[in-house]
Amino acid sequence: MGERPYTLLSCCMSLDGYLDSASHGRLQLSNAADFDRVDGERAASDAIFVGAATIRYDNPRLLVRSTTRRADRVSKGRPPSPVKVTVTRAGDLDPRAQFFVNGDGEKLVYCAHEALARTRTRLNGVATVVDAGAPVELQRVSEDLHARGVRRLMVEGGGAVHTQMLTAGLADELQLVVAPFFVGEAAAPRFVGDGVFPWSVARRATLAEVRQIDDVALLRYALSPRFGER
């Protein structure tokens, strides 16, 4: 098994474990102070990883927001914002999405082998499309990112990606923010789906920190011996 980046999973969920609402458009779970904390984590990362569904439904920019943090990165010879990374089975991504058109940094799309040719045609000029195997292998994606110089990877969702990274044992740290309300909609997306996770009643994850950030709570879990690496 090859080397992989230190991998941080970042997520905000409701008290009942949901990432969003099923019926009211984009649901704001966090607050301004926590958004700034997350921006700091982005600025400390080499790449930000989201799933294709997150790009389609949330249309995120995935850029460092703080001008001070961007300037600090540039002063150290780094791009203003981290590399953007996604993974797709079918390649059905809109080249006009903010993921592709915002920011001058590198965009990497890891694609299932069978959809490679059409995805490269679709995203020609806006992203580098990389063969991720058949089916997609996240271990292969992680090792390829390391080979490209990514030493710290921040994973920002959604639920399918979090589930896959956790069940594959590819996460070193989980930063889980809990919002002070319930969603109560079974059709809404959850933090994780079904799977066989390395942590169970018999092997409990290590809670490394609990922090109040205004009206939300940050729970930091150490998921590997590499926890805390910078």
C-alpha atoms as a PDB file:
ATOM      1  CA  MET A   1       0.000   0.000   0.000  1.00  0.00           C
ATOM      2  CA  GLY A   2       1.409   3.391  -1.025  1.00  0.00           C
ATOM      3  CA  GLU A   3       1.615   6.640   0.880  1.00  0.00           C
ATOM      4  CA  ARG A   4      -1.453   8.847   1.236  1.00  0.00           C
ATOM      5  CA  PRO A   5      -2.117  12.359   2.538  1.00  0.00           C
ATOM      6  CA  TYR A   6      -3.077  13.129   6.104  1.00  0.00           C
ATOM      7  CA  THR A   7      -6.854  13.124   5.685  1.00  0.00           C
ATOM      8  CA  LEU A   8      -9.253  15.307   7.659  1.00  0.00           C
ATOM      9  CA  LEU A   9     -13.019  14.828   7.325  1.00  0.00           C
ATOM     10  CA  SER A  10     -15.030  17.984   8.048  1.00  0.00           C
ATOM     11  CA  CYS A  11     -18.783  17.955   8.510  1.00  0.00           C
ATOM     12  CA  CYS A  12     -21.628  19.892  10.112  1.00  0.00           C
ATOM     13  CA  MET A  13     -24.826  18.042  10.986  1.00  0.00           C
ATOM     14  CA  SER A  14     -28.071  18.556  12.866  1.00  0.00           C
ATOM     15  CA  LEU A  15     -28.748  17.004  16.263  1.00  0.00           C
ATOM     16  CA  ASP A  16     -30.419  14.099  14.479  1.00  0.00           C
ATOM     17  CA  GLY A  17     -27.517  13.531  12.082  1.00  0.00           C
ATOM     18  CA  TYR A  18     -28.622  15.276   8.876  1.00  0.00           C
ATOM     19  CA  LEU A  19     -26.459  17.343   6.531  1.00  0.00           C
ATOM     20  CA  ASP A  20     -29.307  19.270   4.936  1.00  0.00           C
ATOM     21  CA  SER A  21     -33.050  19.534   4.612  1.00  0.00           C
ATOM     22  CA  ALA A  22     -35.032  17.523   2.075  1.00  0.00           C
ATOM     23  CA  SER A  23     -37.602  20.251   1.538  1.00  0.00           C
ATOM     24  CA  HIS A  24     -36.292  23.751   2.162  1.00  0.00           C
ATOM     25  CA  GLY A  25     -33.330  24.298  -0.135  1.00  0.00           C
ATOM     26  CA  ARG A  26     -29.834  24.809   1.277  1.00  0.00           C
ATOM     27  CA  LEU A  27     -29.911  24.562   5.074  1.00  0.00           C
ATOM     28  CA  GLN A  28     -27.383  26.612   7.051  1.00  0.00           C
ATOM     29  CA  LEU A  29     -26.270  24.421   9.915  1.00  0.00           C
ATOM     30  CA  SER A  30     -23.249  26.339  11.177  1.00  0.00           C
ATOM     31  CA  ASN A  31     -22.475  29.936  12.175  1.00  0.00           C
ATOM     32  CA  ALA A  32     -20.046  32.695  11.195  1.00  0.00           C
ATOM     33  CA  ALA A  33     -17.412  31.772  13.776  1.00  0.00           C
ATOM     34  CA  ASP A  34     -17.349  28.157  12.651  1.00  0.00           C
ATOM     35  CA  PHE A  35     -17.282  29.130   8.966  1.00  0.00           C
ATOM     36  CA  ASP A  36     -14.112  31.092   9.778  1.00  0.00           C
ATOM     37  CA  ARG A  37     -12.621  28.075  11.579  1.00  0.00           C
ATOM     38  CA  VAL A  38     -13.329  25.895   8.535  1.00  0.00           C
ATOM     39  CA  ASP A  39     -11.732  28.536   6.327  1.00  0.00           C
ATOM     40  CA  GLY A  40      -8.608  28.219   8.445  1.00  0.00           C
ATOM     41  CA  GLU A  41      -8.599  24.452   7.940  1.00  0.00           C
ATOM     42  CA  ARG A  42      -8.944  24.977   4.192  1.00  0.00           C
ATOM     43  CA  ALA A  43      -6.029  27.380   4.203  1.00  0.00           C
ATOM     44  CA  ALA A  44      -3.897  24.776   6.002  1.00  0.00           C
ATOM     45  CA  SER A  45      -4.712  22.076   3.429  1.00  0.00           C
ATOM     46  CA  ASP A  46      -3.156  21.180   0.102  1.00  0.00           C
ATOM     47  CA  ALA A  47      -6.401  19.929  -1.428  1.00  0.00           C
ATOM     48  CA  ILE A  48     -10.157  19.953  -0.750  1.00  0.00           C
ATOM     49  CA  PHE A  49     -12.206  16.913  -1.752  1.00  0.00           C
ATOM     50  CA  VAL A  50     -15.990  16.796  -2.308  1.00  0.00           C
ATOM     51  CA  GLY A  51     -18.217  14.291  -4.068  1.00  0.00           C
ATOM     52  CA  ALA A  52     -19.808  14.885  -7.444  1.00  0.00           C
ATOM     53  CA  ALA A  53     -23.267  15.107  -5.840  1.00  0.00           C
ATOM     54  CA  THR A  54     -22.064  18.002  -3.677  1.00  0.00           C
ATOM     55  CA  ILE A  55     -20.942  19.850  -6.815  1.00  0.00           C
ATOM     56  CA  ARG A  56     -24.280  19.218  -8.539  1.00  0.00           C
ATOM     57  CA  TYR A  57     -26.566  20.141  -5.639  1.00  0.00           C
ATOM     58  CA  ASP A  58     -24.596  22.658  -3.548  1.00  0.00           C
ATOM     59  CA  ASN A  59     -22.442  24.211  -6.300  1.00  0.00           C
ATOM     60  CA  PRO A  60     -19.622  25.154  -3.866  1.00  0.00           C
ATOM     61  CA  ARG A  61     -16.713  27.468  -4.734  1.00  0.00           C
ATOM     62  CA  LEU A  62     -14.288  25.741  -2.316  1.00  0.00           C
ATOM     63  CA  LEU A  63     -11.930  28.707  -2.035  1.00  0.00           C
ATOM     64  CA  VAL A  64     -10.135  30.195   0.967  1.00  0.00           C
ATOM     65  CA  ARG A  65     -12.260  33.207   1.856  1.00  0.00           C
ATOM     66  CA  SER A  66      -9.915  35.219   4.054  1.00  0.00           C
ATOM     67  CA  THR A  67      -7.683  37.619   2.114  1.00  0.00           C
ATOM     68  CA  THR A  68      -5.100  37.367   4.917  1.00  0.00           C
ATOM     69  CA  ARG A  69      -4.988  33.580   4.682  1.00  0.00           C
ATOM     70  CA  ARG A  70      -4.770  33.673   0.890  1.00  0.00           C
ATOM     71  CA  ALA A  71      -1.903  36.159   1.082  1.00  0.00           C
ATOM     72  CA  ASP A  72      -0.136  33.993   3.659  1.00  0.00           C
ATOM     73  CA  ARG A  73      -0.365  30.972   1.377  1.00  0.00           C
ATOM     74  CA  VAL A  74       1.014  32.957  -1.556  1.00  0.00           C
ATOM     75  CA  SER A  75       3.885  34.275   0.586  1.00  0.00           C
ATOM     76  CA  LYS A  76       4.882  30.645   1.203  1.00  0.00           C
ATOM     77  CA  GLY A  77       4.878  29.832  -2.508  1.00  0.00           C
ATOM     78  CA  ARG A  78       1.497  28.111  -2.459  1.00  0.00           C
ATOM     79  CA  PRO A  79      -1.577  28.931  -4.570  1.00  0.00           C
ATOM     80  CA  PRO A  80      -4.195  31.186  -2.883  1.00  0.00           C
ATOM     81  CA  SER A  81      -6.553  28.227  -2.391  1.00  0.00           C
ATOM     82  CA  PRO A  82      -6.007  24.462  -2.265  1.00  0.00           C
ATOM     83  CA  VAL A  83      -6.341  22.105  -5.216  1.00  0.00           C
ATOM     84  CA  LYS A  84      -9.981  21.068  -5.749  1.00  0.00           C
ATOM     85  CA  VAL A  85     -10.721  17.342  -6.008  1.00  0.00           C
ATOM     86  CA  THR A  86     -13.818  15.338  -6.833  1.00  0.00           C
ATOM     87  CA  VAL A  87     -14.673  11.783  -7.813  1.00  0.00           C
ATOM     88  CA  THR A  88     -17.354  10.580 -10.221  1.00  0.00           C
ATOM     89  CA  ARG A  89     -18.637   7.303 -11.622  1.00  0.00           C
ATOM     90  CA  ALA A  90     -20.493   8.655 -14.651  1.00  0.00           C
ATOM     91  CA  GLY A  91     -18.749  11.976 -15.311  1.00  0.00           C
ATOM     92  CA  ASP A  92     -22.020  13.924 -15.418  1.00  0.00           C
ATOM     93  CA  LEU A  93     -20.562  17.190 -14.135  1.00  0.00           C
ATOM     94  CA  ASP A  94     -21.367  20.638 -15.470  1.00  0.00           C
ATOM     95  CA  PRO A  95     -18.155  22.384 -16.646  1.00  0.00           C
ATOM     96  CA  ARG A  96     -19.852  25.691 -15.722  1.00  0.00           C
ATOM     97  CA  ALA A  97     -20.141  24.705 -12.031  1.00  0.00           C
ATOM     98  CA  GLN A  98     -18.393  26.991  -9.550  1.00  0.00           C
ATOM     99  CA  PHE A  99     -16.033  24.144  -8.665  1.00  0.00           C
ATOM    100  CA  PHE A 100     -14.495  24.585 -12.130  1.00  0.00           C
ATOM    101  CA  VAL A 101     -14.928  28.276 -12.963  1.00  0.00           C
ATOM    102  CA  ASN A 102     -13.981  29.884  -9.628  1.00  0.00           C
ATOM    103  CA  GLY A 103     -10.322  30.138  -8.692  1.00  0.00           C
ATOM    104  CA  ASP A 104      -7.178  29.700 -10.741  1.00  0.00           C
ATOM    105  CA  GLY A 105      -5.934  26.631  -8.893  1.00  0.00           C
ATOM    106  CA  GLU A 106      -5.781  23.075 -10.148  1.00  0.00           C
ATOM    107  CA  LYS A 107      -8.966  20.993 -10.391  1.00  0.00           C
ATOM    108  CA  LEU A 108      -8.712  17.192 -10.360  1.00  0.00           C
ATOM    109  CA  VAL A 109     -11.581  14.896 -11.332  1.00  0.00           C
ATOM    110  CA  TYR A 110     -11.081  11.205 -10.519  1.00  0.00           C
ATOM    111  CA  CYS A 111     -13.326   9.198 -12.789  1.00  0.00           C
ATOM    112  CA  ALA A 112     -14.365   5.563 -13.160  1.00  0.00           C
ATOM    113  CA  HIS A 113     -12.458   3.963 -16.030  1.00  0.00           C
ATOM    114  CA  GLU A 114     -15.529   3.304 -18.176  1.00  0.00           C
ATOM    115  CA  ALA A 115     -16.480   7.005 -18.196  1.00  0.00           C
ATOM    116  CA  LEU A 116     -12.940   8.355 -18.636  1.00  0.00           C
ATOM    117  CA  ALA A 117     -13.025   9.289 -22.332  1.00  0.00           C
ATOM    118  CA  ARG A 118     -16.370  11.095 -22.280  1.00  0.00           C
ATOM    119  CA  THR A 119     -15.506  12.894 -19.028  1.00  0.00           C
ATOM    120  CA  ARG A 120     -12.245  14.170 -20.488  1.00  0.00           C
ATOM    121  CA  THR A 121     -14.183  15.462 -23.487  1.00  0.00           C
ATOM    122  CA  ARG A 122     -16.839  17.064 -21.283  1.00  0.00           C
ATOM    123  CA  LEU A 123     -14.369  18.764 -18.947  1.00  0.00           C
ATOM    124  CA  ASN A 124     -11.691  19.584 -21.508  1.00  0.00           C
ATOM    125  CA  GLY A 125      -9.922  22.783 -20.505  1.00  0.00           C
ATOM    126  CA  VAL A 126     -11.457  23.091 -17.026  1.00  0.00           C
ATOM    127  CA  ALA A 127     -10.016  20.112 -15.125  1.00  0.00           C
ATOM    128  CA  THR A 128      -7.514  17.276 -15.209  1.00  0.00           C
ATOM    129  CA  VAL A 129      -9.423  13.982 -15.416  1.00  0.00           C
ATOM    130  CA  VAL A 130      -7.660  10.995 -13.835  1.00  0.00           C
ATOM    131  CA  ASP A 131      -8.462   7.285 -14.140  1.00  0.00           C
ATOM    132  CA  ALA A 132      -9.678   6.116 -10.713  1.00  0.00           C
ATOM    133  CA  GLY A 133     -10.205   2.451 -11.601  1.00  0.00           C
ATOM    134  CA  ALA A 134     -13.158   0.221 -12.334  1.00  0.00           C
ATOM    135  CA  PRO A 135     -14.958   0.692 -10.026  1.00  0.00           C
ATOM    136  CA  VAL A 136     -13.529   3.837  -8.424  1.00  0.00           C
ATOM    137  CA  GLU A 137     -10.902   2.984  -5.788  1.00  0.00           C
ATOM    138  CA  LEU A 138     -10.461   5.662  -3.137  1.00  0.00           C
ATOM    139  CA  GLN A 139      -7.182   4.144  -1.983  1.00  0.00           C
ATOM    140  CA  ARG A 140      -5.889   4.652  -5.523  1.00  0.00           C
ATOM    141  CA  VAL A 141      -7.207   8.241  -5.516  1.00  0.00           C
ATOM    142  CA  SER A 142      -5.535   8.955  -2.182  1.00  0.00           C
ATOM    143  CA  GLU A 143      -2.185   7.536  -3.288  1.00  0.00           C
ATOM    144  CA  ASP A 144      -2.317   9.495  -6.556  1.00  0.00           C
ATOM    145  CA  LEU A 145      -2.973  12.720  -4.641  1.00  0.00           C
ATOM    146  CA  HIS A 146       0.073  12.034  -2.477  1.00  0.00           C
ATOM    147  CA  ALA A 147       2.150  11.453  -5.607  1.00  0.00           C
ATOM    148  CA  ARG A 148       0.990  14.872  -6.858  1.00  0.00           C
ATOM    149  CA  GLY A 149       2.297  16.554  -3.719  1.00  0.00           C
ATOM    150  CA  VAL A 150      -0.854  16.628  -1.586  1.00  0.00           C
ATOM    151  CA  ARG A 151       0.203  16.054   2.018  1.00  0.00           C
ATOM    152  CA  ARG A 152      -2.935  17.308   3.782  1.00  0.00           C
ATOM    153  CA  LEU A 153      -6.359  16.528   2.327  1.00  0.00           C
ATOM    154  CA  MET A 154      -9.580  18.060   3.639  1.00  0.00           C
ATOM    155  CA  VAL A 155     -12.764  16.145   2.797  1.00  0.00           C
ATOM    156  CA  GLU A 156     -15.910  18.281   2.959  1.00  0.00           C
ATOM    157  CA  GLY A 157     -18.587  15.772   1.948  1.00  0.00           C
ATOM    158  CA  GLY A 158     -21.123  14.798   1.158  1.00  0.00           C
ATOM    159  CA  GLY A 159     -22.420  11.787   3.001  1.00  0.00           C
ATOM    160  CA  ALA A 160     -21.453   9.219   0.353  1.00  0.00           C
ATOM    161  CA  VAL A 161     -17.848  10.406   0.279  1.00  0.00           C
ATOM    162  CA  HIS A 162     -17.624  10.516   4.078  1.00  0.00           C
ATOM    163  CA  THR A 163     -19.019   6.979   4.235  1.00  0.00           C
ATOM    164  CA  GLN A 164     -16.563   5.679   1.641  1.00  0.00           C
ATOM    165  CA  MET A 165     -13.533   7.351   3.211  1.00  0.00           C
ATOM    166  CA  LEU A 166     -14.428   6.082   6.690  1.00  0.00           C
ATOM    167  CA  THR A 167     -15.272   2.516   5.706  1.00  0.00           C
ATOM    168  CA  ALA A 168     -12.070   2.335   3.630  1.00  0.00           C
ATOM    169  CA  GLY A 169     -10.013   3.377   6.662  1.00  0.00           C
ATOM    170  CA  LEU A 170      -8.613   6.412   4.846  1.00  0.00           C
ATOM    171  CA  ALA A 171      -9.413   9.061   7.483  1.00  0.00           C
ATOM    172  CA  ASP A 172      -6.999  10.289  10.147  1.00  0.00           C
ATOM    173  CA  GLU A 173      -9.206  12.913  11.770  1.00  0.00           C
ATOM    174  CA  LEU A 174     -12.909  13.757  11.945  1.00  0.00           C
ATOM    175  CA  GLN A 175     -14.092  17.264  12.781  1.00  0.00           C
ATOM    176  CA  LEU A 176     -17.811  16.939  13.416  1.00  0.00           C
ATOM    177  CA  VAL A 177     -19.813  20.076  14.169  1.00  0.00           C
ATOM    178  CA  VAL A 178     -23.268  19.634  15.703  1.00  0.00           C
ATOM    179  CA  ALA A 179     -25.928  22.303  15.102  1.00  0.00           C
ATOM    180  CA  PRO A 180     -28.474  22.990  17.872  1.00  0.00           C
ATOM    181  CA  PHE A 181     -31.624  21.858  16.066  1.00  0.00           C
ATOM    182  CA  PHE A 182     -33.349  18.883  14.452  1.00  0.00           C
ATOM    183  CA  VAL A 183     -34.228  18.335  10.792  1.00  0.00           C
ATOM    184  CA  GLY A 184     -36.628  15.441  11.256  1.00  0.00           C
ATOM    185  CA  GLU A 185     -36.920  14.428   7.589  1.00  0.00           C
ATOM    186  CA  ALA A 186     -36.107  10.831   6.722  1.00  0.00           C
ATOM    187  CA  ALA A 187     -35.493  11.791   3.081  1.00  0.00           C
ATOM    188  CA  ALA A 188     -32.810  14.354   3.984  1.00  0.00           C
ATOM    189  CA  PRO A 189     -29.127  13.456   3.444  1.00  0.00           C
ATOM    190  CA  ARG A 190     -27.336  12.019   6.455  1.00  0.00           C
ATOM    191  CA  PHE A 191     -23.751  12.395   7.648  1.00  0.00           C
ATOM    192  CA  VAL A 192     -23.008   8.772   6.691  1.00  0.00           C
ATOM    193  CA  GLY A 193     -24.900   5.886   5.143  1.00  0.00           C
ATOM    194  CA  ASP A 194     -24.811   2.163   5.821  1.00  0.00           C
ATOM    195  CA  GLY A 195     -21.409   0.499   5.909  1.00  0.00           C
ATOM    196  CA  VAL A 196     -18.906  -1.539   7.873  1.00  0.00           C
ATOM    197  CA  PHE A 197     -16.876   1.028   9.803  1.00  0.00           C
ATOM    198  CA  PRO A 198     -13.538   0.429  11.543  1.00  0.00           C
ATOM    199  CA  TRP A 199     -15.002   1.945  14.736  1.00  0.00           C
ATOM    200  CA  SER A 200     -17.649   0.063  16.682  1.00  0.00           C
ATOM    201  CA  VAL A 201     -18.730  -0.745  20.213  1.00  0.00           C
ATOM    202  CA  ALA A 202     -15.653  -2.957  20.436  1.00  0.00           C
ATOM    203  CA  ARG A 203     -13.315  -0.334  18.923  1.00  0.00           C
ATOM    204  CA  ARG A 204     -14.335   3.144  19.946  1.00  0.00           C
ATOM    205  CA  ALA A 205     -12.954   6.228  18.208  1.00  0.00           C
ATOM    206  CA  THR A 206     -10.831   8.541  20.363  1.00  0.00           C
ATOM    207  CA  LEU A 207     -12.473  11.846  21.247  1.00  0.00           C
ATOM    208  CA  ALA A 208      -9.594  14.347  21.169  1.00  0.00           C
ATOM    209  CA  GLU A 209     -11.408  17.658  21.696  1.00  0.00           C
ATOM    210  CA  VAL A 210     -14.794  19.179  22.467  1.00  0.00           C
ATOM    211  CA  ARG A 211     -15.178  22.907  21.771  1.00  0.00           C
ATOM    212  CA  GLN A 212     -18.133  25.277  21.924  1.00  0.00           C
ATOM    213  CA  ILE A 213     -18.212  27.716  18.986  1.00  0.00           C
ATOM    214  CA  ASP A 214     -21.067  30.091  19.756  1.00  0.00           C
ATOM    215  CA  ASP A 215     -24.182  27.909  19.397  1.00  0.00           C
ATOM    216  CA  VAL A 216     -22.558  24.840  17.795  1.00  0.00           C
ATOM    217  CA  ALA A 217     -20.272  22.153  19.225  1.00  0.00           C
ATOM    218  CA  LEU A 218     -17.094  20.898  17.559  1.00  0.00           C
ATOM    219  CA  LEU A 219     -16.132  17.283  18.242  1.00  0.00           C
ATOM    220  CA  ARG A 220     -12.655  16.250  17.061  1.00  0.00           C
ATOM    221  CA  TYR A 221     -11.960  12.535  16.781  1.00  0.00           C
ATOM    222  CA  ALA A 222      -8.577  10.899  16.301  1.00  0.00           C
ATOM    223  CA  LEU A 223      -9.101   8.114  13.776  1.00  0.00           C
ATOM    224  CA  SER A 224      -5.514   6.961  13.265  1.00  0.00           C
ATOM    225  CA  PRO A 225      -2.096   7.149  14.939  1.00  0.00           C
ATOM    226  CA  ARG A 226      -1.311  10.014  12.544  1.00  0.00           C
ATOM    227  CA  PHE A 227      -3.838  12.296  14.267  1.00  0.00           C
ATOM    228  CA  GLY A 228      -2.551  15.857  14.642  1.00  0.00           C
ATOM    229  CA  GLU A 229       0.062  15.742  11.910  1.00  0.00           C
ATOM    230  CA  ARG A 230       0.665  19.030  10.093  1.00  0.00           C
END
